[in-house]
Amino acid sequence: MEYVSPEGLRLDGRRPMEMRQIRAEIGAIMKADGSAVFEMGNTKVVAAVYGPREVQNRGQQISDKALVRCEYSMANFSTGDRVRKPKGDRRSTEISLVIRQTMEESILTNLMPRSQIDIYVQVLQADGGTRSACINAATLALADAGIPMRDLVTSCSAGYLNNTPLLDLNYVEDSAGGPDVTVGILPKLDKVTLLQMDSKLPIDIFENVMQLAIEGCKAVAKLHTRSKN
């Protein structure tokens, strides 16, 4: 299948290095301490943050920093697939861990010892790039909750199809089985906090694809700054 036309256009009309439209809304859930809705094209994610608060399970309390917990889920109506996915399936557990570890790189947990911060992320509509959208939603929800952070984490992915690096893959491109690199960065600190790749690439091509994903992260950072303000 041809994912990039001879004219250099993708199936959805974008150029190879063009992102989908991104949108963000802060304070979407009234009862949460912080919340955000984040959209990348047709992918739509909501995040809610509760805390810092007293640790519910005293056995999990950490004396010198906050305990960060994260739960990722997909709404049953988020995809065209009508098969119910069991809660706590392997992919959900893995993505929950990725989001938590990425957020821990940013949260100043040492300022909130013996407390707990809960992050809940749910995919409302899935069309590729859900992992990045979840991270972008979570960081905005943390900021909305007033959680002290080193920087706002931003995330984007890039892939390689038809011998062409492509920024911000949609579902059709993501499902093609080509290499896909997901990156998370702390933009002000110029630090990579997340790097995941699901298949091998020659090093020179990998560097190009990774750099393209980083440029996508920086574009998201500009939106984050506007949303926060």
C-alpha atoms as a PDB file:
ATOM      1  CA  MET A   1       0.000   0.000   0.000  1.00  0.00           C
ATOM      2  CA  GLU A   2       1.201   3.496  -0.828  1.00  0.00           C
ATOM      3  CA  TYR A   3       1.229   5.699   2.271  1.00  0.00           C
ATOM      4  CA  VAL A   4       2.916   8.676   0.601  1.00  0.00           C
ATOM      5  CA  SER A   5       1.789   9.730  -2.881  1.00  0.00           C
ATOM      6  CA  PRO A   6       4.215  10.766  -5.659  1.00  0.00           C
ATOM      7  CA  GLU A   7       3.125  14.331  -4.844  1.00  0.00           C
ATOM      8  CA  GLY A   8       4.418  13.859  -1.293  1.00  0.00           C
ATOM      9  CA  LEU A   9       1.025  13.681   0.421  1.00  0.00           C
ATOM     10  CA  ARG A  10      -0.139  11.156   2.996  1.00  0.00           C
ATOM     11  CA  LEU A  11      -3.547   9.451   2.981  1.00  0.00           C
ATOM     12  CA  ASP A  12      -5.048  12.202   5.170  1.00  0.00           C
ATOM     13  CA  GLY A  13      -3.559  14.969   3.019  1.00  0.00           C
ATOM     14  CA  ARG A  14      -0.663  15.884   5.313  1.00  0.00           C
ATOM     15  CA  ARG A  15       2.967  16.307   4.309  1.00  0.00           C
ATOM     16  CA  PRO A  16       5.419  13.759   5.808  1.00  0.00           C
ATOM     17  CA  MET A  17       6.669  16.240   8.439  1.00  0.00           C
ATOM     18  CA  GLU A  18       3.260  17.741   9.237  1.00  0.00           C
ATOM     19  CA  MET A  19       1.465  17.071  12.520  1.00  0.00           C
ATOM     20  CA  ARG A  20      -2.234  16.573  12.913  1.00  0.00           C
ATOM     21  CA  GLN A  21      -4.168  19.421  14.491  1.00  0.00           C
ATOM     22  CA  ILE A  22      -3.650  19.489  18.253  1.00  0.00           C
ATOM     23  CA  ARG A  23      -6.077  20.918  20.799  1.00  0.00           C
ATOM     24  CA  ALA A  24      -6.117  21.070  24.582  1.00  0.00           C
ATOM     25  CA  GLU A  25      -8.602  22.066  27.266  1.00  0.00           C
ATOM     26  CA  ILE A  26      -7.783  22.482  30.961  1.00  0.00           C
ATOM     27  CA  GLY A  27     -10.162  21.866  33.872  1.00  0.00           C
ATOM     28  CA  ALA A  28     -12.531  19.517  32.085  1.00  0.00           C
ATOM     29  CA  ILE A  29     -13.490  17.488  35.198  1.00  0.00           C
ATOM     30  CA  MET A  30     -14.958  19.493  38.064  1.00  0.00           C
ATOM     31  CA  LYS A  31     -14.239  17.117  40.968  1.00  0.00           C
ATOM     32  CA  ALA A  32     -10.615  16.370  40.050  1.00  0.00           C
ATOM     33  CA  ASP A  33      -7.765  18.451  41.500  1.00  0.00           C
ATOM     34  CA  GLY A  34      -6.541  18.876  37.935  1.00  0.00           C
ATOM     35  CA  SER A  35      -7.757  17.667  34.549  1.00  0.00           C
ATOM     36  CA  ALA A  36      -7.264  18.091  30.820  1.00  0.00           C
ATOM     37  CA  VAL A  37      -8.611  16.923  27.490  1.00  0.00           C
ATOM     38  CA  PHE A  38      -5.990  16.540  24.754  1.00  0.00           C
ATOM     39  CA  GLU A  39      -6.628  15.852  21.058  1.00  0.00           C
ATOM     40  CA  MET A  40      -4.183  14.889  18.316  1.00  0.00           C
ATOM     41  CA  GLY A  41      -6.216  14.708  15.127  1.00  0.00           C
ATOM     42  CA  ASN A  42      -9.049  12.264  15.831  1.00  0.00           C
ATOM     43  CA  THR A  43      -7.358  10.819  18.921  1.00  0.00           C
ATOM     44  CA  LYS A  44      -8.968  12.233  22.057  1.00  0.00           C
ATOM     45  CA  VAL A  45      -7.814  11.628  25.625  1.00  0.00           C
ATOM     46  CA  VAL A  46      -8.953  12.859  29.051  1.00  0.00           C
ATOM     47  CA  ALA A  47      -6.719  12.932  32.140  1.00  0.00           C
ATOM     48  CA  ALA A  48      -7.624  13.565  35.790  1.00  0.00           C
ATOM     49  CA  VAL A  49      -5.250  14.115  38.716  1.00  0.00           C
ATOM     50  CA  TYR A  50      -6.057  13.712  42.414  1.00  0.00           C
ATOM     51  CA  GLY A  51      -3.560  14.857  45.034  1.00  0.00           C
ATOM     52  CA  PRO A  52      -1.199  15.344  46.564  1.00  0.00           C
ATOM     53  CA  ARG A  53      -3.156  13.651  49.339  1.00  0.00           C
ATOM     54  CA  GLU A  54      -2.644  11.234  52.206  1.00  0.00           C
ATOM     55  CA  VAL A  55      -1.435   7.800  51.114  1.00  0.00           C
ATOM     56  CA  GLN A  56      -4.408   5.407  51.212  1.00  0.00           C
ATOM     57  CA  ASN A  57      -2.307   2.309  51.848  1.00  0.00           C
ATOM     58  CA  ARG A  58       0.151   3.185  54.624  1.00  0.00           C
ATOM     59  CA  GLY A  59       2.401   0.315  53.533  1.00  0.00           C
ATOM     60  CA  GLN A  60       3.051   2.143  50.226  1.00  0.00           C
ATOM     61  CA  GLN A  61       4.003   5.443  51.889  1.00  0.00           C
ATOM     62  CA  ILE A  62       7.472   6.758  50.955  1.00  0.00           C
ATOM     63  CA  SER A  63       9.195   8.866  53.633  1.00  0.00           C
ATOM     64  CA  ASP A  64      11.186  11.180  51.344  1.00  0.00           C
ATOM     65  CA  LYS A  65       8.946  11.620  48.281  1.00  0.00           C
ATOM     66  CA  ALA A  66       5.444  11.337  46.867  1.00  0.00           C
ATOM     67  CA  LEU A  67       3.994   8.070  45.621  1.00  0.00           C
ATOM     68  CA  VAL A  68       2.839   8.473  41.999  1.00  0.00           C
ATOM     69  CA  ARG A  69       0.193   6.066  40.693  1.00  0.00           C
ATOM     70  CA  CYS A  70      -1.222   5.922  37.183  1.00  0.00           C
ATOM     71  CA  GLU A  71      -4.126   4.078  35.599  1.00  0.00           C
ATOM     72  CA  TYR A  72      -4.632   4.002  31.815  1.00  0.00           C
ATOM     73  CA  SER A  73      -7.774   2.719  30.117  1.00  0.00           C
ATOM     74  CA  MET A  74      -9.582   2.835  26.811  1.00  0.00           C
ATOM     75  CA  ALA A  75     -13.289   3.569  26.643  1.00  0.00           C
ATOM     76  CA  ASN A  76     -15.170   0.664  25.036  1.00  0.00           C
ATOM     77  CA  PHE A  77     -16.450   3.057  22.365  1.00  0.00           C
ATOM     78  CA  SER A  78     -12.979   4.514  21.586  1.00  0.00           C
ATOM     79  CA  THR A  79     -12.345   2.281  18.558  1.00  0.00           C
ATOM     80  CA  GLY A  80     -14.438   0.535  15.928  1.00  0.00           C
ATOM     81  CA  ASP A  81     -13.515  -2.762  17.615  1.00  0.00           C
ATOM     82  CA  ARG A  82     -16.551  -3.969  19.535  1.00  0.00           C
ATOM     83  CA  VAL A  83     -14.652  -6.642  21.474  1.00  0.00           C
ATOM     84  CA  ARG A  84     -14.541  -5.687  25.160  1.00  0.00           C
ATOM     85  CA  LYS A  85     -10.971  -5.452  26.388  1.00  0.00           C
ATOM     86  CA  PRO A  86     -10.490  -6.780  29.916  1.00  0.00           C
ATOM     87  CA  LYS A  87      -9.527  -4.141  32.460  1.00  0.00           C
ATOM     88  CA  GLY A  88      -5.905  -4.485  33.481  1.00  0.00           C
ATOM     89  CA  ASP A  89      -4.846  -6.191  30.240  1.00  0.00           C
ATOM     90  CA  ARG A  90      -1.123  -6.320  29.471  1.00  0.00           C
ATOM     91  CA  ARG A  91      -1.068  -3.318  27.125  1.00  0.00           C
ATOM     92  CA  SER A  92      -2.969  -1.124  29.589  1.00  0.00           C
ATOM     93  CA  THR A  93      -0.597  -2.132  32.386  1.00  0.00           C
ATOM     94  CA  GLU A  94       2.429  -1.353  30.212  1.00  0.00           C
ATOM     95  CA  ILE A  95       1.117   2.067  29.126  1.00  0.00           C
ATOM     96  CA  SER A  96       0.162   2.913  32.730  1.00  0.00           C
ATOM     97  CA  LEU A  97       3.769   2.167  33.714  1.00  0.00           C
ATOM     98  CA  VAL A  98       5.197   4.251  30.837  1.00  0.00           C
ATOM     99  CA  ILE A  99       3.037   7.260  31.744  1.00  0.00           C
ATOM    100  CA  ARG A 100       3.913   6.962  35.444  1.00  0.00           C
ATOM    101  CA  GLN A 101       7.655   6.686  34.812  1.00  0.00           C
ATOM    102  CA  THR A 102       7.568   9.605  32.357  1.00  0.00           C
ATOM    103  CA  MET A 103       5.665  11.805  34.822  1.00  0.00           C
ATOM    104  CA  GLU A 104       8.018  10.872  37.681  1.00  0.00           C
ATOM    105  CA  GLU A 105      10.871  12.349  35.633  1.00  0.00           C
ATOM    106  CA  SER A 106       9.042  15.669  35.741  1.00  0.00           C
ATOM    107  CA  ILE A 107       7.242  15.805  39.126  1.00  0.00           C
ATOM    108  CA  LEU A 108       9.256  17.211  42.050  1.00  0.00           C
ATOM    109  CA  THR A 109       8.210  14.284  44.227  1.00  0.00           C
ATOM    110  CA  ASN A 110      10.748  15.211  46.942  1.00  0.00           C
ATOM    111  CA  LEU A 111       8.665  18.301  47.787  1.00  0.00           C
ATOM    112  CA  MET A 112       5.681  16.130  48.753  1.00  0.00           C
ATOM    113  CA  PRO A 113       6.953  13.339  51.052  1.00  0.00           C
ATOM    114  CA  ARG A 114       4.480  10.811  52.464  1.00  0.00           C
ATOM    115  CA  SER A 115       1.802  11.877  49.968  1.00  0.00           C
ATOM    116  CA  GLN A 116       0.113  10.263  46.982  1.00  0.00           C
ATOM    117  CA  ILE A 117      -0.653  11.575  43.493  1.00  0.00           C
ATOM    118  CA  ASP A 118      -3.103   9.603  41.326  1.00  0.00           C
ATOM    119  CA  ILE A 119      -3.219  10.077  37.549  1.00  0.00           C
ATOM    120  CA  TYR A 120      -6.125   8.595  35.584  1.00  0.00           C
ATOM    121  CA  VAL A 121      -5.985   8.664  31.794  1.00  0.00           C
ATOM    122  CA  GLN A 122      -8.714   7.420  29.475  1.00  0.00           C
ATOM    123  CA  VAL A 123      -8.746   7.257  25.682  1.00  0.00           C
ATOM    124  CA  LEU A 124     -12.129   8.476  24.438  1.00  0.00           C
ATOM    125  CA  GLN A 125     -11.314   8.166  20.737  1.00  0.00           C
ATOM    126  CA  ALA A 126      -8.356   6.260  19.270  1.00  0.00           C
ATOM    127  CA  ASP A 127      -6.792   7.079  15.904  1.00  0.00           C
ATOM    128  CA  GLY A 128      -3.071   6.490  16.453  1.00  0.00           C
ATOM    129  CA  GLY A 129      -0.636   8.225  18.789  1.00  0.00           C
ATOM    130  CA  THR A 130      -2.647   7.372  21.915  1.00  0.00           C
ATOM    131  CA  ARG A 131       0.455   6.926  24.089  1.00  0.00           C
ATOM    132  CA  SER A 132       1.728  10.420  23.260  1.00  0.00           C
ATOM    133  CA  ALA A 133      -1.734  11.957  23.654  1.00  0.00           C
ATOM    134  CA  CYS A 134      -2.033  10.365  27.118  1.00  0.00           C
ATOM    135  CA  ILE A 135       1.301  11.791  28.248  1.00  0.00           C
ATOM    136  CA  ASN A 136       0.374  15.250  26.921  1.00  0.00           C
ATOM    137  CA  ALA A 137      -2.999  15.121  28.686  1.00  0.00           C
ATOM    138  CA  ALA A 138      -1.452  13.894  31.952  1.00  0.00           C
ATOM    139  CA  THR A 139       1.178  16.646  32.099  1.00  0.00           C
ATOM    140  CA  LEU A 140      -1.465  19.338  31.562  1.00  0.00           C
ATOM    141  CA  ALA A 141      -3.697  17.804  34.243  1.00  0.00           C
ATOM    142  CA  LEU A 142      -0.751  17.804  36.682  1.00  0.00           C
ATOM    143  CA  ALA A 143      -0.088  21.471  35.903  1.00  0.00           C
ATOM    144  CA  ASP A 144      -3.795  22.228  36.388  1.00  0.00           C
ATOM    145  CA  ALA A 145      -3.614  20.535  39.816  1.00  0.00           C
ATOM    146  CA  GLY A 146      -0.710  22.787  40.772  1.00  0.00           C
ATOM    147  CA  ILE A 147       1.703  19.856  41.159  1.00  0.00           C
ATOM    148  CA  PRO A 148       5.299  21.208  41.193  1.00  0.00           C
ATOM    149  CA  MET A 149       7.240  20.003  38.153  1.00  0.00           C
ATOM    150  CA  ARG A 150      10.680  20.505  36.620  1.00  0.00           C
ATOM    151  CA  ASP A 151       9.040  21.064  33.238  1.00  0.00           C
ATOM    152  CA  LEU A 152       5.935  20.058  31.268  1.00  0.00           C
ATOM    153  CA  VAL A 153       6.589  16.727  29.551  1.00  0.00           C
ATOM    154  CA  THR A 154       5.590  16.645  25.889  1.00  0.00           C
ATOM    155  CA  SER A 155       5.359  13.603  23.648  1.00  0.00           C
ATOM    156  CA  CYS A 156       5.030  12.744  19.961  1.00  0.00           C
ATOM    157  CA  SER A 157       5.766   9.792  17.699  1.00  0.00           C
ATOM    158  CA  ALA A 158       7.242   9.390  14.246  1.00  0.00           C
ATOM    159  CA  GLY A 159       7.432   6.408  11.924  1.00  0.00           C
ATOM    160  CA  TYR A 160       9.061   5.179   8.733  1.00  0.00           C
ATOM    161  CA  LEU A 161       6.904   4.061   5.790  1.00  0.00           C
ATOM    162  CA  ASN A 162       7.559   3.960   2.027  1.00  0.00           C
ATOM    163  CA  ASN A 163      11.195   4.882   2.804  1.00  0.00           C
ATOM    164  CA  THR A 164       9.950   8.159   4.277  1.00  0.00           C
ATOM    165  CA  PRO A 165      10.062   9.446   7.883  1.00  0.00           C
ATOM    166  CA  LEU A 166       6.503  10.434   8.914  1.00  0.00           C
ATOM    167  CA  LEU A 167       5.564  12.628  11.870  1.00  0.00           C
ATOM    168  CA  ASP A 168       2.627  11.849  14.178  1.00  0.00           C
ATOM    169  CA  LEU A 169       1.213   8.622  12.716  1.00  0.00           C
ATOM    170  CA  ASN A 170      -2.544   8.133  12.469  1.00  0.00           C
ATOM    171  CA  TYR A 171      -4.156   4.719  12.992  1.00  0.00           C
ATOM    172  CA  VAL A 172      -3.854   3.533   9.372  1.00  0.00           C
ATOM    173  CA  GLU A 173      -0.145   4.446   9.270  1.00  0.00           C
ATOM    174  CA  ASP A 174       0.446   3.039  12.751  1.00  0.00           C
ATOM    175  CA  SER A 175      -1.203  -0.256  11.746  1.00  0.00           C
ATOM    176  CA  ALA A 176       1.038  -0.668   8.693  1.00  0.00           C
ATOM    177  CA  GLY A 177       3.621  -2.445  10.843  1.00  0.00           C
ATOM    178  CA  GLY A 178       6.516  -0.106  10.093  1.00  0.00           C
ATOM    179  CA  PRO A 179       8.977   1.176  12.693  1.00  0.00           C
ATOM    180  CA  ASP A 180       7.429   3.608  15.161  1.00  0.00           C
ATOM    181  CA  VAL A 181       9.417   5.782  17.582  1.00  0.00           C
ATOM    182  CA  THR A 182       7.656   7.450  20.541  1.00  0.00           C
ATOM    183  CA  VAL A 183       9.565  10.204  22.327  1.00  0.00           C
ATOM    184  CA  GLY A 184       8.887  12.255  25.456  1.00  0.00           C
ATOM    185  CA  ILE A 185      10.962  15.306  26.357  1.00  0.00           C
ATOM    186  CA  LEU A 186      11.318  18.036  28.959  1.00  0.00           C
ATOM    187  CA  PRO A 187      11.525  20.931  26.450  1.00  0.00           C
ATOM    188  CA  LYS A 188      13.076  23.628  28.665  1.00  0.00           C
ATOM    189  CA  LEU A 189      15.717  21.222  29.962  1.00  0.00           C
ATOM    190  CA  ASP A 190      16.202  19.696  26.484  1.00  0.00           C
ATOM    191  CA  LYS A 191      16.091  16.235  28.076  1.00  0.00           C
ATOM    192  CA  VAL A 192      14.624  13.038  26.605  1.00  0.00           C
ATOM    193  CA  THR A 193      12.565  11.215  29.262  1.00  0.00           C
ATOM    194  CA  LEU A 194      10.919   8.577  27.067  1.00  0.00           C
ATOM    195  CA  LEU A 195      12.148   6.670  24.033  1.00  0.00           C
ATOM    196  CA  GLN A 196      10.305   3.613  22.739  1.00  0.00           C
ATOM    197  CA  MET A 197      10.694   1.850  19.408  1.00  0.00           C
ATOM    198  CA  ASP A 198       8.731  -1.208  18.329  1.00  0.00           C
ATOM    199  CA  SER A 199      11.059  -2.496  15.566  1.00  0.00           C
ATOM    200  CA  LYS A 200      14.613  -2.069  14.321  1.00  0.00           C
ATOM    201  CA  LEU A 201      15.935   0.728  12.107  1.00  0.00           C
ATOM    202  CA  PRO A 202      19.407   1.438  10.680  1.00  0.00           C
ATOM    203  CA  ILE A 203      21.086   3.967  12.976  1.00  0.00           C
ATOM    204  CA  ASP A 204      21.119   6.853  10.460  1.00  0.00           C
ATOM    205  CA  ILE A 205      17.391   6.451   9.698  1.00  0.00           C
ATOM    206  CA  PHE A 206      16.621   6.005  13.409  1.00  0.00           C
ATOM    207  CA  GLU A 207      18.322   9.311  14.202  1.00  0.00           C
ATOM    208  CA  ASN A 208      16.251  11.083  11.525  1.00  0.00           C
ATOM    209  CA  VAL A 209      12.982   9.560  12.773  1.00  0.00           C
ATOM    210  CA  MET A 210      13.820  10.311  16.413  1.00  0.00           C
ATOM    211  CA  GLN A 211      14.731  13.927  15.590  1.00  0.00           C
ATOM    212  CA  LEU A 212      11.432  14.294  13.736  1.00  0.00           C
ATOM    213  CA  ALA A 213       9.561  13.028  16.827  1.00  0.00           C
ATOM    214  CA  ILE A 214      11.495  15.520  18.997  1.00  0.00           C
ATOM    215  CA  GLU A 215      10.430  18.358  16.661  1.00  0.00           C
ATOM    216  CA  GLY A 216       6.847  17.160  17.173  1.00  0.00           C
ATOM    217  CA  CYS A 217       7.366  17.279  20.956  1.00  0.00           C
ATOM    218  CA  LYS A 218       8.564  20.884  20.652  1.00  0.00           C
ATOM    219  CA  ALA A 219       5.458  21.798  18.634  1.00  0.00           C
ATOM    220  CA  VAL A 220       3.285  20.301  21.401  1.00  0.00           C
ATOM    221  CA  ALA A 221       5.276  22.312  23.973  1.00  0.00           C
ATOM    222  CA  LYS A 222       4.177  25.559  22.312  1.00  0.00           C
ATOM    223  CA  LEU A 223       0.524  24.506  22.679  1.00  0.00           C
ATOM    224  CA  HIS A 224       1.123  23.448  26.309  1.00  0.00           C
ATOM    225  CA  THR A 225       2.519  26.883  27.104  1.00  0.00           C
ATOM    226  CA  ARG A 226      -0.556  28.571  25.596  1.00  0.00           C
ATOM    227  CA  SER A 227      -2.934  26.170  27.407  1.00  0.00           C
ATOM    228  CA  LYS A 228      -1.219  26.726  30.755  1.00  0.00           C
ATOM    229  CA  ASN A 229      -1.407  30.477  30.337  1.00  0.00           C
END
